[in-house]
Amino acid sequence: MKKEAIILAGGFGTRLKETVPSLPKCLAPVKGKPLLSYIINYLIDNKINKIIFSLHYKSEMVIEYVKSNFNFINYEFVIEKGPLGTGGAIALALEKTNTDNIVVLNGDSIFKIELDSFYEFHSDMNSSFSIALKKMSDPYRYGTVNTNKECKIICFNEKNESLKDGIINGGIYIVNKTIFLKEIISPSFSLENDYLAISTEKKNIYGKTFDDYFIDIGIPDDYKRANIEL
C-alpha cells in the first residue's frame, strides 16, 4: 500500500523565539541535527512513500535543508501565501496527495508510534479522521481527549492545570482526504478548534492510545529535554 504523509512545518514558533531566534521551529537543532531530520527519518522507517511539506514561515530555509539532505526521497512543498491555520494548511497540502488516507503530523514534535498499527486501526474503525493519543502526567499544556468504549472521540477538554493525568492529542493523524475536504467550510481554520472540537458526535473521529515516546519542543523546557532524550 502506498502511504503519504504531510508534515505541518509552517508555524512561527513564537514560544521558542528567544531560544532559537533565527530558525523555523522544525529546524531547531536537537543534538546537532534539525528536529525535522528526526521526523523525516521516522517516516522513512515507517515506509512512507511520499512526504508533503506544508510551509509558511521562513519556508526557503526548510526547502534548502530538505533539498540538501533528503533529495533521495519523494517529496513536494506546499507554501501558504498567508497563515491558513492548521486545518487550512492540511486542506491545501492534501491537493498534492494521491491516496485516500494520509498521515498528518506536526513539525515540532516526535511521537514514535508504529504507523502500520495506526493504519490498521483507522481501517478497522472505518474512521474518517483518526488521532494518535498519548497518556500523559500533568497534561495541562495540551488539554485532554475523551473516548467511548469503541474508541470514538466524545469530546476535547480545555486545558486544566489541576489535572494530574489524562489522554492528550499526540499530533499524528490519519485523514480521509475526500471526507475531510467535503466537511471544511473555510480556506483558513484551526484544525483543533474549528474542526475536531465542533460537533464530534456527528463526525466519524476515532482515537487510538499509544505508549510510545513523545516529545513536543514547543516550549523551551521541553526543547531542552529533547536535546537530552532524543
Protein backbone atom coordinates (compact mmCIF):
# COMPACT_ATOMS: atom_id res chain seq x y z
CA MET A 1 0.00 0.00 0.00
CA LYS A 2 1.33 3.41 -0.98
CA LYS A 3 1.48 5.75 2.01
CA GLU A 4 1.81 9.52 2.02
CA ALA A 5 2.43 11.99 4.85
CA ILE A 6 2.03 15.72 5.39
CA ILE A 7 4.40 17.48 7.80
CA LEU A 8 2.94 20.73 9.17
CA ALA A 9 6.03 22.93 9.39
CA GLY A 10 4.78 26.45 8.73
CA GLY A 11 4.39 27.79 12.27
CA PHE A 12 6.15 30.85 13.66
CA GLY A 13 7.42 29.10 16.81
CA THR A 14 6.63 32.15 18.94
CA ARG A 15 7.38 30.49 22.29
CA LEU A 16 10.81 29.34 21.08
CA LYS A 17 11.93 32.61 19.52
CA GLU A 18 14.25 33.51 22.38
CA THR A 19 15.83 30.06 22.37
CA VAL A 20 16.04 29.59 18.59
CA PRO A 21 15.65 33.13 17.23
CA SER A 22 16.74 32.72 13.61
CA LEU A 23 15.19 29.40 12.59
CA PRO A 24 11.74 27.99 11.86
CA LYS A 25 10.76 25.68 14.69
CA CYS A 26 11.13 22.49 12.67
CA LEU A 27 14.82 23.31 12.07
CA ALA A 28 15.61 23.83 15.77
CA PRO A 29 18.80 21.83 16.42
CA VAL A 30 18.43 18.74 18.59
CA LYS A 31 21.75 17.09 19.39
CA GLY A 32 23.31 18.81 16.38
CA LYS A 33 20.58 17.91 13.86
CA PRO A 34 17.36 19.75 12.97
CA LEU A 35 14.27 18.25 14.59
CA LEU A 36 12.89 17.86 11.07
CA SER A 37 15.55 15.27 10.28
CA TYR A 38 14.24 13.04 13.07
CA ILE A 39 10.70 13.36 11.72
CA ILE A 40 11.70 12.61 8.13
CA ASN A 41 13.74 9.57 9.17
CA TYR A 42 10.84 8.37 11.31
CA LEU A 43 8.57 8.50 8.24
CA ILE A 44 11.17 6.73 6.09
CA ASP A 45 11.48 3.98 8.72
CA ASN A 46 7.69 3.61 8.66
CA LYS A 47 7.70 3.10 4.87
CA ILE A 48 6.08 6.39 3.88
CA ASN A 49 6.45 6.73 0.11
CA LYS A 50 5.92 10.48 -0.27
CA ILE A 51 6.22 13.47 2.08
CA ILE A 52 4.46 16.81 1.55
CA PHE A 53 6.00 19.69 3.50
CA SER A 54 3.42 22.32 4.47
CA LEU A 55 5.39 25.56 4.89
CA HIS A 56 4.97 29.26 5.59
CA TYR A 57 7.39 30.96 8.00
CA LYS A 58 10.95 31.00 6.58
CA SER A 59 9.93 28.36 4.07
CA GLU A 60 13.06 28.91 1.98
CA MET A 61 15.23 27.61 4.85
CA VAL A 62 13.23 24.38 5.09
CA ILE A 63 13.28 23.89 1.33
CA GLU A 64 17.04 24.33 1.21
CA TYR A 65 17.56 21.90 4.08
CA VAL A 66 15.37 19.18 2.56
CA LYS A 67 16.90 19.52 -0.90
CA SER A 68 20.42 19.42 0.51
CA ASN A 69 19.90 16.45 2.83
CA PHE A 70 16.92 14.37 1.64
CA ASN A 71 16.94 14.69 -2.13
CA PHE A 72 16.69 10.89 -2.40
CA ILE A 73 13.09 10.81 -1.10
CA ASN A 74 9.85 11.60 -2.93
CA TYR A 75 8.64 14.97 -1.68
CA GLU A 76 6.76 18.15 -2.56
CA PHE A 77 6.47 21.56 -0.92
CA VAL A 78 3.26 23.49 -0.33
CA ILE A 79 3.74 27.11 0.73
CA GLU A 80 0.94 29.11 2.34
CA LYS A 81 0.75 32.64 0.94
CA GLY A 82 -0.76 33.71 4.26
CA PRO A 83 -1.41 31.87 7.54
CA LEU A 84 -4.20 29.35 6.96
CA GLY A 85 -4.26 27.72 10.41
CA THR A 86 -3.58 24.03 10.89
CA GLY A 87 -6.81 22.98 9.18
CA GLY A 88 -6.33 25.21 6.16
CA ALA A 89 -2.73 24.06 5.83
CA ILE A 90 -3.84 20.41 5.76
CA ALA A 91 -6.54 21.11 3.17
CA LEU A 92 -4.04 22.88 0.91
CA ALA A 93 -1.44 20.13 1.24
CA LEU A 94 -4.00 17.42 0.51
CA GLU A 95 -4.15 18.74 -3.04
CA LYS A 96 -0.68 17.26 -3.56
CA THR A 97 -1.66 13.77 -2.39
CA ASN A 98 -2.77 10.81 -4.49
CA THR A 99 -4.06 8.36 -1.87
CA ASP A 100 -7.27 8.22 0.16
CA ASN A 101 -5.90 8.15 3.71
CA ILE A 102 -2.96 10.37 4.53
CA VAL A 103 -0.80 10.64 7.65
CA VAL A 104 -0.55 14.19 9.01
CA LEU A 105 1.92 15.15 11.71
CA ASN A 106 3.34 18.25 13.36
CA GLY A 107 6.80 19.53 12.55
CA ASP A 108 7.60 20.40 16.16
CA SER A 109 7.01 17.08 17.93
CA ILE A 110 8.08 13.45 17.87
CA PHE A 111 5.68 10.59 18.62
CA LYS A 112 7.29 7.25 17.77
CA ILE A 113 4.18 5.22 17.06
CA GLU A 114 4.11 2.36 14.55
CA LEU A 115 2.22 3.73 11.57
CA ASP A 116 1.18 0.30 10.24
CA SER A 117 -0.67 -0.30 13.51
CA PHE A 118 -2.29 3.14 13.24
CA TYR A 119 -3.37 2.49 9.65
CA GLU A 120 -4.87 -0.85 10.70
CA PHE A 121 -6.84 0.88 13.47
CA HIS A 122 -8.05 3.56 11.06
CA SER A 123 -9.29 0.88 8.66
CA ASP A 124 -10.85 -1.36 11.32
CA MET A 125 -12.82 1.56 12.77
CA ASN A 126 -13.92 2.74 9.33
CA SER A 127 -12.73 6.12 10.59
CA SER A 128 -12.76 9.31 8.57
CA PHE A 129 -10.26 11.01 10.91
CA SER A 130 -8.06 9.13 13.38
CA ILE A 131 -5.93 10.63 16.15
CA ALA A 132 -2.91 9.07 17.85
CA LEU A 133 -3.44 9.64 21.56
CA LYS A 134 -0.94 9.63 24.42
CA LYS A 135 -1.48 9.18 28.16
CA MET A 136 0.36 11.96 29.97
CA SER A 137 1.12 13.04 33.51
CA ASP A 138 0.38 16.72 34.13
CA PRO A 139 -1.27 17.25 30.73
CA TYR A 140 -2.18 20.88 31.48
CA ARG A 141 -0.30 22.20 28.42
CA TYR A 142 -2.40 20.26 25.97
CA GLY A 143 -5.97 19.77 27.08
CA THR A 144 -7.35 16.23 27.11
CA VAL A 145 -9.48 13.91 24.98
CA ASN A 146 -12.33 11.62 25.98
CA THR A 147 -13.27 8.49 24.03
CA ASN A 148 -16.02 5.90 24.47
CA LYS A 149 -15.55 2.12 24.64
CA GLU A 150 -15.48 1.93 20.84
CA CYS A 151 -12.59 4.47 20.72
CA LYS A 152 -14.80 7.13 19.18
CA ILE A 153 -13.85 10.67 20.23
CA ILE A 154 -16.56 12.08 22.51
CA CYS A 155 -15.09 15.46 23.37
CA PHE A 156 -12.00 17.62 23.67
CA ASN A 157 -11.45 19.28 27.04
CA GLU A 158 -9.91 22.67 27.71
CA LYS A 159 -6.52 22.93 29.43
CA ASN A 160 -6.83 22.30 33.16
CA GLU A 161 -3.86 22.93 35.43
CA SER A 162 -5.33 20.78 38.21
CA LEU A 163 -5.26 17.55 36.16
CA LYS A 164 -2.67 15.02 37.30
CA ASP A 165 -3.00 12.77 34.25
CA GLY A 166 -5.07 12.41 31.10
CA ILE A 167 -5.15 11.42 27.45
CA ILE A 168 -3.88 14.04 25.01
CA ASN A 169 -3.90 14.53 21.27
CA GLY A 170 -0.43 13.32 20.21
CA GLY A 171 -0.41 15.31 16.98
CA ILE A 172 -0.36 12.44 14.47
CA TYR A 173 -3.48 11.89 12.38
CA ILE A 174 -4.76 9.76 9.52
CA VAL A 175 -7.12 11.80 7.41
CA ASN A 176 -9.60 10.54 4.84
CA LYS A 177 -8.98 13.09 2.12
CA THR A 178 -12.40 13.01 0.44
CA ILE A 179 -14.43 13.31 3.63
CA PHE A 180 -12.21 15.99 5.17
CA LEU A 181 -12.34 18.24 2.12
CA LYS A 182 -16.13 17.90 1.94
CA GLU A 183 -16.53 18.93 5.57
CA ILE A 184 -14.42 22.08 5.66
CA ILE A 185 -16.24 25.40 5.31
CA SER A 186 -13.40 27.91 5.04
CA PRO A 187 -9.93 28.00 3.44
CA SER A 188 -8.47 29.24 6.75
CA PHE A 189 -9.30 27.48 10.02
CA SER A 190 -7.90 25.79 13.10
CA LEU A 191 -7.96 22.01 12.92
CA GLU A 192 -8.24 21.72 16.70
CA ASN A 193 -10.82 24.43 17.43
CA ASP A 194 -12.83 24.71 14.23
CA TYR A 195 -12.93 21.10 13.06
CA LEU A 196 -12.10 18.49 15.69
CA ALA A 197 -13.85 20.15 18.63
CA ILE A 198 -17.03 21.02 16.71
CA SER A 199 -19.90 18.50 16.56
CA THR A 200 -17.78 15.49 17.46
CA GLU A 201 -20.91 13.36 17.82
CA LYS A 202 -21.67 13.92 14.13
CA LYS A 203 -18.18 13.12 12.90
CA ASN A 204 -16.51 9.75 12.45
CA ILE A 205 -13.42 10.61 14.54
CA TYR A 206 -11.59 7.87 16.45
CA GLY A 207 -8.57 7.81 18.73
CA LYS A 208 -6.02 5.10 19.49
CA THR A 209 -3.82 5.42 22.58
CA PHE A 210 -0.14 4.58 22.16
CA ASP A 211 2.54 4.18 24.84
CA ASP A 212 5.43 5.21 22.61
CA TYR A 213 7.90 8.03 23.25
CA PHE A 214 6.51 11.55 22.82
CA ILE A 215 8.16 14.98 22.94
CA ASP A 216 6.88 18.39 21.85
CA ILE A 217 9.55 21.11 21.62
CA GLY A 218 7.02 23.96 21.65
CA ILE A 219 8.34 25.47 24.88
CA PRO A 220 11.99 26.00 25.95
CA ASP A 221 11.90 23.45 28.80
CA ASP A 222 10.74 20.64 26.52
CA TYR A 223 13.16 21.73 23.81
CA LYS A 224 15.99 21.32 26.33
CA ARG A 225 14.59 17.92 27.30
CA ALA A 226 14.56 16.82 23.66
CA ASN A 227 18.27 17.60 23.46
CA ILE A 228 18.85 15.16 26.31
CA GLU A 229 16.43 12.38 25.36
CA LEU A 230 16.49 12.03 21.57
